[in-house]
Amino acid sequence: MIAAVFAKGLFASEAVQIAAGVGASVAVVTAIVGVFTVIRGQSFAGEALGDIGTTGGSGAFLVGVGPLWGFVVGNVIAAGAMELIGIQRPRGRDLATGIVLGASIGLAALFLYLTTTSESTTGAAVTILFGSVFAITTSTIPLIVALGAIVVATMLTIYRPLLLGTVSAEMAASRGIPVRLVGALYLLALALAAALAAITIGTVLSTALLIGPAASAIRLTRRPALAILTAAAIGVAVMWVGIVLAYDSYEWPPAGHGWPVSFFVVTLIFIVYLGSGLPELRSRRRSASGVGAPVSLPAAAER
């Protein structure tokens, strides 16, 4: 029975061990940032930073450094540009994101052309766009751990001010909270989280890991802290199951090729998101029975 689920050599494979550890770590980091990204209505910014990572990743290949460095540098620069244009103002968020995204896509087209026509970077486009958690080397792990620690430390530091500012920026400002600084730190954390997601499942699909588990968790609970824990559990689960299926797929027809981890992860996230809507559907049917509603975000922020 176990052999039918876990292919031979799965647990002994160093690539699988690295993938499982890195994948779980990234899933936790993206869950923390992703929940706030959803409740702040900045999913478009998360999507844009994932796409912008293409520019940084292809530029990194072009100069001969690891793609993660490119993802990080490109996303941080883009986040800074969004902040300067005015992403802190709700009406300016989509405008700032769209302007920066448009400029970055132009550069990405140039860099991808140059990298794909260079003999020394064969397969660069596939690596950047779709990633491969199996291809992460041990030398990259310290950087991933350091970036993840920075994101977690930042989000823990600004958790309550960010939550209050998300509910009401005016209320937060009246209490002496530096709303713009808190927002800028959150945007930095979002940029780094998007870079980590990109190194695992690629820039094109990174938004699924950043937004999908968080959106599913928020459909299941309105409590921010519980939503983060739920999103982390979902992210780790889909990542691990995706790794197992991708490893097993090397024995599927046509044998020896295998399917990408990113495909399984994104598909599982989509299935989980659809399933997360079932409790809400049931609660609507019971709404006439007087069952109490879950605690809202404003109430949670006041605690």
C-alpha atoms as a PDB file:
ATOM      1  CA  MET A   1       0.000   0.000   0.000  1.00  0.00           C
ATOM      2  CA  ILE A   2       2.763   2.437   0.964  1.00  0.00           C
ATOM      3  CA  ALA A   3       4.771   1.480  -2.122  1.00  0.00           C
ATOM      4  CA  ALA A   4       1.772   2.377  -4.279  1.00  0.00           C
ATOM      5  CA  VAL A   5       1.769   5.932  -2.883  1.00  0.00           C
ATOM      6  CA  PHE A   6       5.470   6.622  -2.329  1.00  0.00           C
ATOM      7  CA  ALA A   7       7.766   5.709  -5.201  1.00  0.00           C
ATOM      8  CA  LYS A   8      10.967   3.827  -4.489  1.00  0.00           C
ATOM      9  CA  GLY A   9      13.756   6.065  -3.236  1.00  0.00           C
ATOM     10  CA  LEU A  10      11.460   8.978  -2.341  1.00  0.00           C
ATOM     11  CA  PHE A  11      12.578   9.426   1.257  1.00  0.00           C
ATOM     12  CA  ALA A  12      16.232   8.684   0.500  1.00  0.00           C
ATOM     13  CA  SER A  13      16.483  11.321  -2.223  1.00  0.00           C
ATOM     14  CA  GLU A  14      18.450  14.407  -1.168  1.00  0.00           C
ATOM     15  CA  ALA A  15      16.597  16.520  -3.728  1.00  0.00           C
ATOM     16  CA  VAL A  16      13.262  15.473  -2.202  1.00  0.00           C
ATOM     17  CA  GLN A  17      14.481  16.205   1.329  1.00  0.00           C
ATOM     18  CA  ILE A  18      15.613  19.691   0.326  1.00  0.00           C
ATOM     19  CA  ALA A  19      12.395  20.289  -1.608  1.00  0.00           C
ATOM     20  CA  ALA A  20      10.232  19.216   1.345  1.00  0.00           C
ATOM     21  CA  GLY A  21      12.100  21.411   3.821  1.00  0.00           C
ATOM     22  CA  VAL A  22      12.308  24.471   1.597  1.00  0.00           C
ATOM     23  CA  GLY A  23       8.758  24.035   0.332  1.00  0.00           C
ATOM     24  CA  ALA A  24       7.324  23.859   3.849  1.00  0.00           C
ATOM     25  CA  SER A  25       9.327  26.890   4.993  1.00  0.00           C
ATOM     26  CA  VAL A  26       8.241  28.974   2.022  1.00  0.00           C
ATOM     27  CA  ALA A  27       4.615  27.885   2.484  1.00  0.00           C
ATOM     28  CA  VAL A  28       4.646  29.168   6.077  1.00  0.00           C
ATOM     29  CA  VAL A  29       6.260  32.472   5.104  1.00  0.00           C
ATOM     30  CA  THR A  30       3.849  33.100   2.226  1.00  0.00           C
ATOM     31  CA  ALA A  31       0.888  32.215   4.475  1.00  0.00           C
ATOM     32  CA  ILE A  32       1.790  34.961   6.953  1.00  0.00           C
ATOM     33  CA  VAL A  33       2.105  37.595   4.251  1.00  0.00           C
ATOM     34  CA  GLY A  34      -0.659  36.187   2.075  1.00  0.00           C
ATOM     35  CA  VAL A  35      -3.410  36.578   4.659  1.00  0.00           C
ATOM     36  CA  PHE A  36      -2.698  40.296   4.959  1.00  0.00           C
ATOM     37  CA  THR A  37      -2.395  40.599   1.192  1.00  0.00           C
ATOM     38  CA  VAL A  38      -5.917  39.236   0.805  1.00  0.00           C
ATOM     39  CA  ILE A  39      -7.575  41.239   3.577  1.00  0.00           C
ATOM     40  CA  ARG A  40      -5.839  44.451   2.396  1.00  0.00           C
ATOM     41  CA  GLY A  41      -7.113  43.880  -1.136  1.00  0.00           C
ATOM     42  CA  GLN A  42      -3.602  43.844  -2.591  1.00  0.00           C
ATOM     43  CA  SER A  43      -3.728  40.525  -4.400  1.00  0.00           C
ATOM     44  CA  PHE A  44      -2.978  42.392  -7.629  1.00  0.00           C
ATOM     45  CA  ALA A  45       0.231  43.686  -6.051  1.00  0.00           C
ATOM     46  CA  GLY A  46       1.178  40.125  -5.128  1.00  0.00           C
ATOM     47  CA  GLU A  47       0.461  38.979  -8.681  1.00  0.00           C
ATOM     48  CA  ALA A  48       2.491  41.870 -10.081  1.00  0.00           C
ATOM     49  CA  LEU A  49       5.491  41.150  -7.864  1.00  0.00           C
ATOM     50  CA  GLY A  50       5.394  37.532  -9.001  1.00  0.00           C
ATOM     51  CA  ASP A  51       5.431  38.630 -12.641  1.00  0.00           C
ATOM     52  CA  ILE A  52       8.063  41.275 -11.953  1.00  0.00           C
ATOM     53  CA  GLY A  53      10.252  38.520 -10.556  1.00  0.00           C
ATOM     54  CA  THR A  54      10.631  37.382 -14.168  1.00  0.00           C
ATOM     55  CA  THR A  55      12.621  40.538 -14.839  1.00  0.00           C
ATOM     56  CA  GLY A  56      14.907  40.025 -11.869  1.00  0.00           C
ATOM     57  CA  GLY A  57      15.338  36.294 -12.455  1.00  0.00           C
ATOM     58  CA  SER A  58      16.192  36.652 -16.132  1.00  0.00           C
ATOM     59  CA  GLY A  59      18.533  39.522 -15.332  1.00  0.00           C
ATOM     60  CA  ALA A  60      20.284  37.326 -12.764  1.00  0.00           C
ATOM     61  CA  PHE A  61      20.820  34.583 -15.333  1.00  0.00           C
ATOM     62  CA  LEU A  62      22.148  37.184 -17.720  1.00  0.00           C
ATOM     63  CA  VAL A  63      24.887  38.315 -15.314  1.00  0.00           C
ATOM     64  CA  GLY A  64      25.621  34.819 -14.067  1.00  0.00           C
ATOM     65  CA  VAL A  65      24.188  34.791 -10.532  1.00  0.00           C
ATOM     66  CA  GLY A  66      21.489  32.679  -8.903  1.00  0.00           C
ATOM     67  CA  PRO A  67      17.887  33.488  -9.880  1.00  0.00           C
ATOM     68  CA  LEU A  68      16.838  33.989  -6.254  1.00  0.00           C
ATOM     69  CA  TRP A  69      19.098  37.040  -6.023  1.00  0.00           C
ATOM     70  CA  GLY A  70      17.393  38.406  -9.121  1.00  0.00           C
ATOM     71  CA  PHE A  71      13.923  37.734  -7.717  1.00  0.00           C
ATOM     72  CA  VAL A  72      14.808  39.520  -4.484  1.00  0.00           C
ATOM     73  CA  VAL A  73      16.507  42.549  -6.024  1.00  0.00           C
ATOM     74  CA  GLY A  74      13.868  42.960  -8.740  1.00  0.00           C
ATOM     75  CA  ASN A  75      10.948  42.664  -6.306  1.00  0.00           C
ATOM     76  CA  VAL A  76      12.451  45.000  -3.714  1.00  0.00           C
ATOM     77  CA  ILE A  77      13.088  47.678  -6.353  1.00  0.00           C
ATOM     78  CA  ALA A  78       9.558  47.225  -7.686  1.00  0.00           C
ATOM     79  CA  ALA A  79       8.066  47.456  -4.184  1.00  0.00           C
ATOM     80  CA  GLY A  80       9.998  50.668  -3.583  1.00  0.00           C
ATOM     81  CA  ALA A  81       8.690  52.110  -6.836  1.00  0.00           C
ATOM     82  CA  MET A  82       5.109  51.189  -5.903  1.00  0.00           C
ATOM     83  CA  GLU A  83       5.551  52.915  -2.546  1.00  0.00           C
ATOM     84  CA  LEU A  84       6.885  56.090  -4.157  1.00  0.00           C
ATOM     85  CA  ILE A  85       4.059  56.213  -6.695  1.00  0.00           C
ATOM     86  CA  GLY A  86       1.452  55.893  -3.978  1.00  0.00           C
ATOM     87  CA  ILE A  87       0.391  52.338  -3.242  1.00  0.00           C
ATOM     88  CA  GLN A  88      -0.496  53.343   0.345  1.00  0.00           C
ATOM     89  CA  ARG A  89      -3.516  55.246  -0.939  1.00  0.00           C
ATOM     90  CA  PRO A  90      -6.266  52.717  -1.715  1.00  0.00           C
ATOM     91  CA  ARG A  91      -7.215  54.418  -4.977  1.00  0.00           C
ATOM     92  CA  GLY A  92      -3.601  54.545  -6.064  1.00  0.00           C
ATOM     93  CA  ARG A  93      -2.758  50.903  -5.421  1.00  0.00           C
ATOM     94  CA  ASP A  94      -3.847  49.491  -8.767  1.00  0.00           C
ATOM     95  CA  LEU A  95      -2.405  52.503 -10.599  1.00  0.00           C
ATOM     96  CA  ALA A  96       1.001  52.182  -8.939  1.00  0.00           C
ATOM     97  CA  THR A  97       1.056  48.419  -9.416  1.00  0.00           C
ATOM     98  CA  GLY A  98       0.040  48.641 -13.069  1.00  0.00           C
ATOM     99  CA  ILE A  99       2.670  51.249 -13.922  1.00  0.00           C
ATOM    100  CA  VAL A 100       5.505  49.306 -12.320  1.00  0.00           C
ATOM    101  CA  LEU A 101       4.284  46.004 -13.777  1.00  0.00           C
ATOM    102  CA  GLY A 102       4.101  47.419 -17.289  1.00  0.00           C
ATOM    103  CA  ALA A 103       7.622  48.791 -17.139  1.00  0.00           C
ATOM    104  CA  SER A 104       8.997  45.551 -15.721  1.00  0.00           C
ATOM    105  CA  ILE A 105       7.360  43.310 -18.313  1.00  0.00           C
ATOM    106  CA  GLY A 106       9.125  45.261 -21.043  1.00  0.00           C
ATOM    107  CA  LEU A 107      12.493  44.615 -19.406  1.00  0.00           C
ATOM    108  CA  ALA A 108      11.572  40.965 -18.783  1.00  0.00           C
ATOM    109  CA  ALA A 109      10.898  40.467 -22.491  1.00  0.00           C
ATOM    110  CA  LEU A 110      14.355  41.810 -23.315  1.00  0.00           C
ATOM    111  CA  PHE A 111      16.155  39.808 -20.617  1.00  0.00           C
ATOM    112  CA  LEU A 112      14.351  36.562 -21.476  1.00  0.00           C
ATOM    113  CA  TYR A 113      15.231  37.026 -25.138  1.00  0.00           C
ATOM    114  CA  LEU A 114      18.883  37.528 -24.280  1.00  0.00           C
ATOM    115  CA  THR A 115      18.995  34.607 -21.829  1.00  0.00           C
ATOM    116  CA  THR A 116      17.210  32.158 -24.138  1.00  0.00           C
ATOM    117  CA  THR A 117      19.535  33.011 -27.030  1.00  0.00           C
ATOM    118  CA  SER A 118      22.644  32.510 -24.902  1.00  0.00           C
ATOM    119  CA  GLU A 119      24.274  29.079 -25.026  1.00  0.00           C
ATOM    120  CA  SER A 120      25.239  29.293 -21.338  1.00  0.00           C
ATOM    121  CA  THR A 121      21.667  29.715 -20.072  1.00  0.00           C
ATOM    122  CA  THR A 122      19.792  26.877 -21.769  1.00  0.00           C
ATOM    123  CA  GLY A 123      16.485  26.270 -19.981  1.00  0.00           C
ATOM    124  CA  ALA A 124      16.643  29.587 -18.139  1.00  0.00           C
ATOM    125  CA  ALA A 125      13.176  30.659 -19.255  1.00  0.00           C
ATOM    126  CA  VAL A 126      11.552  27.442 -17.985  1.00  0.00           C
ATOM    127  CA  THR A 127      13.408  27.696 -14.662  1.00  0.00           C
ATOM    128  CA  ILE A 128      12.373  31.324 -14.170  1.00  0.00           C
ATOM    129  CA  LEU A 129       8.760  31.027 -15.285  1.00  0.00           C
ATOM    130  CA  PHE A 130       7.843  27.646 -13.797  1.00  0.00           C
ATOM    131  CA  GLY A 131      10.584  26.962 -11.247  1.00  0.00           C
ATOM    132  CA  SER A 132      11.594  23.624  -9.792  1.00  0.00           C
ATOM    133  CA  VAL A 133      11.803  23.041  -6.082  1.00  0.00           C
ATOM    134  CA  PHE A 134      13.779  19.872  -6.887  1.00  0.00           C
ATOM    135  CA  ALA A 135      16.516  22.007  -8.458  1.00  0.00           C
ATOM    136  CA  ILE A 136      17.249  24.022  -5.296  1.00  0.00           C
ATOM    137  CA  THR A 137      20.820  23.426  -4.165  1.00  0.00           C
ATOM    138  CA  THR A 138      22.164  23.271  -0.627  1.00  0.00           C
ATOM    139  CA  SER A 139      24.138  26.468  -1.246  1.00  0.00           C
ATOM    140  CA  THR A 140      20.863  28.360  -1.731  1.00  0.00           C
ATOM    141  CA  ILE A 141      19.300  27.181   1.537  1.00  0.00           C
ATOM    142  CA  PRO A 142      21.056  29.730   3.841  1.00  0.00           C
ATOM    143  CA  LEU A 143      19.763  32.601   1.712  1.00  0.00           C
ATOM    144  CA  ILE A 144      16.233  31.158   1.701  1.00  0.00           C
ATOM    145  CA  VAL A 145      16.331  30.744   5.486  1.00  0.00           C
ATOM    146  CA  ALA A 146      17.656  34.279   5.972  1.00  0.00           C
ATOM    147  CA  LEU A 147      14.995  35.821   3.727  1.00  0.00           C
ATOM    148  CA  GLY A 148      12.257  33.800   5.409  1.00  0.00           C
ATOM    149  CA  ALA A 149      13.458  34.916   8.843  1.00  0.00           C
ATOM    150  CA  ILE A 150      13.433  38.559   7.735  1.00  0.00           C
ATOM    151  CA  VAL A 151       9.867  38.240   6.480  1.00  0.00           C
ATOM    152  CA  VAL A 152       8.608  36.500   9.632  1.00  0.00           C
ATOM    153  CA  ALA A 153      10.397  38.965  11.949  1.00  0.00           C
ATOM    154  CA  THR A 154       9.001  41.915   9.992  1.00  0.00           C
ATOM    155  CA  MET A 155       5.441  40.612  10.039  1.00  0.00           C
ATOM    156  CA  LEU A 156       5.587  39.805  13.765  1.00  0.00           C
ATOM    157  CA  THR A 157       6.871  43.311  14.465  1.00  0.00           C
ATOM    158  CA  ILE A 158       4.149  45.102  12.502  1.00  0.00           C
ATOM    159  CA  TYR A 159       1.341  42.579  13.023  1.00  0.00           C
ATOM    160  CA  ARG A 160      -0.997  44.611  15.227  1.00  0.00           C
ATOM    161  CA  PRO A 161      -0.287  48.050  13.679  1.00  0.00           C
ATOM    162  CA  LEU A 162      -0.734  46.557  10.201  1.00  0.00           C
ATOM    163  CA  LEU A 163      -3.977  44.865  11.194  1.00  0.00           C
ATOM    164  CA  LEU A 164      -5.396  48.081  12.621  1.00  0.00           C
ATOM    165  CA  GLY A 165      -4.173  50.076   9.630  1.00  0.00           C
ATOM    166  CA  THR A 166      -5.809  47.552   7.316  1.00  0.00           C
ATOM    167  CA  VAL A 167      -9.149  47.993   9.063  1.00  0.00           C
ATOM    168  CA  SER A 168      -8.917  51.790   9.344  1.00  0.00           C
ATOM    169  CA  ALA A 169      -5.878  53.854   8.389  1.00  0.00           C
ATOM    170  CA  GLU A 170      -7.442  56.907  10.014  1.00  0.00           C
ATOM    171  CA  MET A 171      -7.916  55.120  13.335  1.00  0.00           C
ATOM    172  CA  ALA A 172      -4.350  53.825  13.222  1.00  0.00           C
ATOM    173  CA  ALA A 173      -2.969  57.304  12.503  1.00  0.00           C
ATOM    174  CA  SER A 174      -5.007  58.797  15.346  1.00  0.00           C
ATOM    175  CA  ARG A 175      -3.284  56.342  17.710  1.00  0.00           C
ATOM    176  CA  GLY A 176       0.148  57.499  16.607  1.00  0.00           C
ATOM    177  CA  ILE A 177       0.920  54.562  14.331  1.00  0.00           C
ATOM    178  CA  PRO A 178       3.224  55.482  11.395  1.00  0.00           C
ATOM    179  CA  VAL A 179       0.849  54.076   8.812  1.00  0.00           C
ATOM    180  CA  ARG A 180       3.068  54.712   5.798  1.00  0.00           C
ATOM    181  CA  LEU A 181       6.137  53.151   7.415  1.00  0.00           C
ATOM    182  CA  VAL A 182       4.136  50.087   8.465  1.00  0.00           C
ATOM    183  CA  GLY A 183       2.738  49.803   4.948  1.00  0.00           C
ATOM    184  CA  ALA A 184       6.205  50.085   3.436  1.00  0.00           C
ATOM    185  CA  LEU A 185       7.545  47.322   5.701  1.00  0.00           C
ATOM    186  CA  TYR A 186       4.617  45.117   4.744  1.00  0.00           C
ATOM    187  CA  LEU A 187       5.311  45.774   1.060  1.00  0.00           C
ATOM    188  CA  LEU A 188       8.950  44.785   1.603  1.00  0.00           C
ATOM    189  CA  ALA A 189       7.806  41.541   3.253  1.00  0.00           C
ATOM    190  CA  LEU A 190       5.445  40.926   0.321  1.00  0.00           C
ATOM    191  CA  ALA A 191       8.291  41.430  -2.159  1.00  0.00           C
ATOM    192  CA  LEU A 192      10.519  38.932  -0.353  1.00  0.00           C
ATOM    193  CA  ALA A 193       7.690  36.402   0.051  1.00  0.00           C
ATOM    194  CA  ALA A 194       6.926  36.632  -3.679  1.00  0.00           C
ATOM    195  CA  ALA A 195      10.617  36.004  -4.421  1.00  0.00           C
ATOM    196  CA  LEU A 196      10.609  32.894  -2.221  1.00  0.00           C
ATOM    197  CA  ALA A 197       7.443  31.610  -3.884  1.00  0.00           C
ATOM    198  CA  ALA A 198       9.037  32.185  -7.296  1.00  0.00           C
ATOM    199  CA  ILE A 199      12.109  30.097  -6.482  1.00  0.00           C
ATOM    200  CA  THR A 200       9.883  27.132  -5.600  1.00  0.00           C
ATOM    201  CA  ILE A 201       7.141  27.116  -8.272  1.00  0.00           C
ATOM    202  CA  GLY A 202       8.208  29.866 -10.693  1.00  0.00           C
ATOM    203  CA  THR A 203       7.241  33.482 -11.275  1.00  0.00           C
ATOM    204  CA  VAL A 204       4.147  32.699 -13.354  1.00  0.00           C
ATOM    205  CA  LEU A 205       2.550  30.534 -10.667  1.00  0.00           C
ATOM    206  CA  SER A 206       3.999  32.101  -7.504  1.00  0.00           C
ATOM    207  CA  THR A 207       0.797  34.037  -6.835  1.00  0.00           C
ATOM    208  CA  ALA A 208      -1.075  30.757  -6.359  1.00  0.00           C
ATOM    209  CA  LEU A 209       1.094  29.871  -3.357  1.00  0.00           C
ATOM    210  CA  LEU A 210       0.999  33.425  -2.014  1.00  0.00           C
ATOM    211  CA  ILE A 211      -2.736  34.035  -2.375  1.00  0.00           C
ATOM    212  CA  GLY A 212      -4.445  30.635  -2.713  1.00  0.00           C
ATOM    213  CA  PRO A 213      -3.948  29.145   0.781  1.00  0.00           C
ATOM    214  CA  ALA A 214      -4.614  32.538   2.397  1.00  0.00           C
ATOM    215  CA  ALA A 215      -7.831  33.059   0.451  1.00  0.00           C
ATOM    216  CA  SER A 216      -8.994  29.554   1.365  1.00  0.00           C
ATOM    217  CA  ALA A 217      -8.178  30.125   5.038  1.00  0.00           C
ATOM    218  CA  ILE A 218     -10.068  33.414   5.153  1.00  0.00           C
ATOM    219  CA  ARG A 219     -13.130  31.667   3.765  1.00  0.00           C
ATOM    220  CA  LEU A 220     -12.903  29.243   6.693  1.00  0.00           C
ATOM    221  CA  THR A 221     -12.248  31.752   9.505  1.00  0.00           C
ATOM    222  CA  ARG A 222     -12.396  35.508  10.030  1.00  0.00           C
ATOM    223  CA  ARG A 223      -9.818  35.519  12.803  1.00  0.00           C
ATOM    224  CA  PRO A 224      -6.496  36.760  11.332  1.00  0.00           C
ATOM    225  CA  ALA A 225      -4.212  34.684  13.569  1.00  0.00           C
ATOM    226  CA  LEU A 226      -6.207  31.498  12.961  1.00  0.00           C
ATOM    227  CA  ALA A 227      -6.347  32.285   9.249  1.00  0.00           C
ATOM    228  CA  ILE A 228      -2.537  32.467   9.155  1.00  0.00           C
ATOM    229  CA  LEU A 229      -2.209  29.087  10.874  1.00  0.00           C
ATOM    230  CA  THR A 230      -4.799  27.561   8.557  1.00  0.00           C
ATOM    231  CA  ALA A 231      -3.123  29.026   5.466  1.00  0.00           C
ATOM    232  CA  ALA A 232       0.251  27.699   6.613  1.00  0.00           C
ATOM    233  CA  ALA A 233      -1.191  24.210   7.123  1.00  0.00           C
ATOM    234  CA  ILE A 234      -2.817  24.277   3.686  1.00  0.00           C
ATOM    235  CA  GLY A 235       0.369  25.542   2.039  1.00  0.00           C
ATOM    236  CA  VAL A 236       2.597  22.909   3.646  1.00  0.00           C
ATOM    237  CA  ALA A 237       0.119  20.126   2.833  1.00  0.00           C
ATOM    238  CA  VAL A 238      -0.261  21.001  -0.853  1.00  0.00           C
ATOM    239  CA  MET A 239       3.491  21.485  -1.209  1.00  0.00           C
ATOM    240  CA  TRP A 240       4.299  18.079   0.288  1.00  0.00           C
ATOM    241  CA  VAL A 241       1.581  16.270  -1.653  1.00  0.00           C
ATOM    242  CA  GLY A 242       2.716  18.051  -4.816  1.00  0.00           C
ATOM    243  CA  ILE A 243       6.300  16.909  -4.241  1.00  0.00           C
ATOM    244  CA  VAL A 244       5.197  13.292  -3.747  1.00  0.00           C
ATOM    245  CA  LEU A 245       3.048  13.329  -6.888  1.00  0.00           C
ATOM    246  CA  ALA A 246       5.780  14.980  -8.952  1.00  0.00           C
ATOM    247  CA  TYR A 247       8.279  12.355  -7.811  1.00  0.00           C
ATOM    248  CA  ASP A 248       5.821   9.544  -8.516  1.00  0.00           C
ATOM    249  CA  SER A 249       5.060  10.969 -11.973  1.00  0.00           C
ATOM    250  CA  TYR A 250       8.495   9.899 -13.244  1.00  0.00           C
ATOM    251  CA  GLU A 251       7.033   6.393 -13.407  1.00  0.00           C
ATOM    252  CA  TRP A 252       3.897   7.541 -15.227  1.00  0.00           C
ATOM    253  CA  PRO A 253       3.668   7.389 -19.027  1.00  0.00           C
ATOM    254  CA  PRO A 254       5.788   8.558 -20.719  1.00  0.00           C
ATOM    255  CA  ALA A 255       8.184   7.081 -18.155  1.00  0.00           C
ATOM    256  CA  GLY A 256      11.280   9.026 -17.222  1.00  0.00           C
ATOM    257  CA  HIS A 257       9.919  12.517 -17.881  1.00  0.00           C
ATOM    258  CA  GLY A 258       7.843  13.483 -14.873  1.00  0.00           C
ATOM    259  CA  TRP A 259       5.419  16.328 -14.287  1.00  0.00           C
ATOM    260  CA  PRO A 260       6.410  19.651 -12.693  1.00  0.00           C
ATOM    261  CA  VAL A 261       5.809  20.204  -8.987  1.00  0.00           C
ATOM    262  CA  SER A 262       4.251  23.588  -9.769  1.00  0.00           C
ATOM    263  CA  PHE A 263       1.423  21.924 -11.721  1.00  0.00           C
ATOM    264  CA  PHE A 264       0.424  19.715  -8.809  1.00  0.00           C
ATOM    265  CA  VAL A 265       0.768  22.497  -6.221  1.00  0.00           C
ATOM    266  CA  VAL A 266      -1.393  24.942  -8.168  1.00  0.00           C
ATOM    267  CA  THR A 267      -3.989  22.294  -8.978  1.00  0.00           C
ATOM    268  CA  LEU A 268      -4.241  21.242  -5.332  1.00  0.00           C
ATOM    269  CA  ILE A 269      -4.540  24.863  -4.197  1.00  0.00           C
ATOM    270  CA  PHE A 270      -7.410  25.370  -6.632  1.00  0.00           C
ATOM    271  CA  ILE A 271      -9.191  22.264  -5.354  1.00  0.00           C
ATOM    272  CA  VAL A 272      -8.730  23.357  -1.733  1.00  0.00           C
ATOM    273  CA  TYR A 273     -10.069  26.823  -2.537  1.00  0.00           C
ATOM    274  CA  LEU A 274     -13.193  25.354  -4.101  1.00  0.00           C
ATOM    275  CA  GLY A 275     -13.654  23.094  -1.089  1.00  0.00           C
ATOM    276  CA  SER A 276     -13.205  25.968   1.359  1.00  0.00           C
ATOM    277  CA  GLY A 277     -16.379  27.568   0.039  1.00  0.00           C
ATOM    278  CA  LEU A 278     -18.581  24.680   1.181  1.00  0.00           C
ATOM    279  CA  PRO A 279     -18.846  25.775   4.863  1.00  0.00           C
ATOM    280  CA  GLU A 280     -19.840  29.280   3.752  1.00  0.00           C
ATOM    281  CA  LEU A 281     -22.495  27.814   1.489  1.00  0.00           C
ATOM    282  CA  ARG A 282     -23.878  25.765   4.369  1.00  0.00           C
ATOM    283  CA  SER A 283     -23.880  28.770   6.703  1.00  0.00           C
ATOM    284  CA  ARG A 284     -25.928  30.769   4.222  1.00  0.00           C
ATOM    285  CA  ARG A 285     -28.513  28.035   4.218  1.00  0.00           C
ATOM    286  CA  ARG A 286     -28.619  28.160   8.017  1.00  0.00           C
ATOM    287  CA  SER A 287     -28.599  31.965   8.240  1.00  0.00           C
ATOM    288  CA  ALA A 288     -32.291  32.063   9.133  1.00  0.00           C
ATOM    289  CA  SER A 289     -31.662  29.857  12.173  1.00  0.00           C
ATOM    290  CA  GLY A 290     -29.930  32.674  14.073  1.00  0.00           C
ATOM    291  CA  VAL A 291     -26.438  31.180  14.153  1.00  0.00           C
ATOM    292  CA  GLY A 292     -23.931  33.856  15.141  1.00  0.00           C
ATOM    293  CA  ALA A 293     -21.484  35.260  12.597  1.00  0.00           C
ATOM    294  CA  PRO A 294     -17.717  34.871  13.071  1.00  0.00           C
ATOM    295  CA  VAL A 295     -15.674  37.644  14.628  1.00  0.00           C
ATOM    296  CA  SER A 296     -14.986  40.372  12.090  1.00  0.00           C
ATOM    297  CA  LEU A 297     -11.591  41.840  11.350  1.00  0.00           C
ATOM    298  CA  PRO A 298     -12.362  45.179  13.048  1.00  0.00           C
ATOM    299  CA  ALA A 299     -13.343  43.372  16.245  1.00  0.00           C
ATOM    300  CA  ALA A 300     -10.222  41.252  16.111  1.00  0.00           C
ATOM    301  CA  ALA A 301      -8.054  44.320  15.584  1.00  0.00           C
ATOM    302  CA  GLU A 302      -9.370  45.940  18.743  1.00  0.00           C
ATOM    303  CA  ARG A 303      -8.296  42.987  20.878  1.00  0.00           C
END
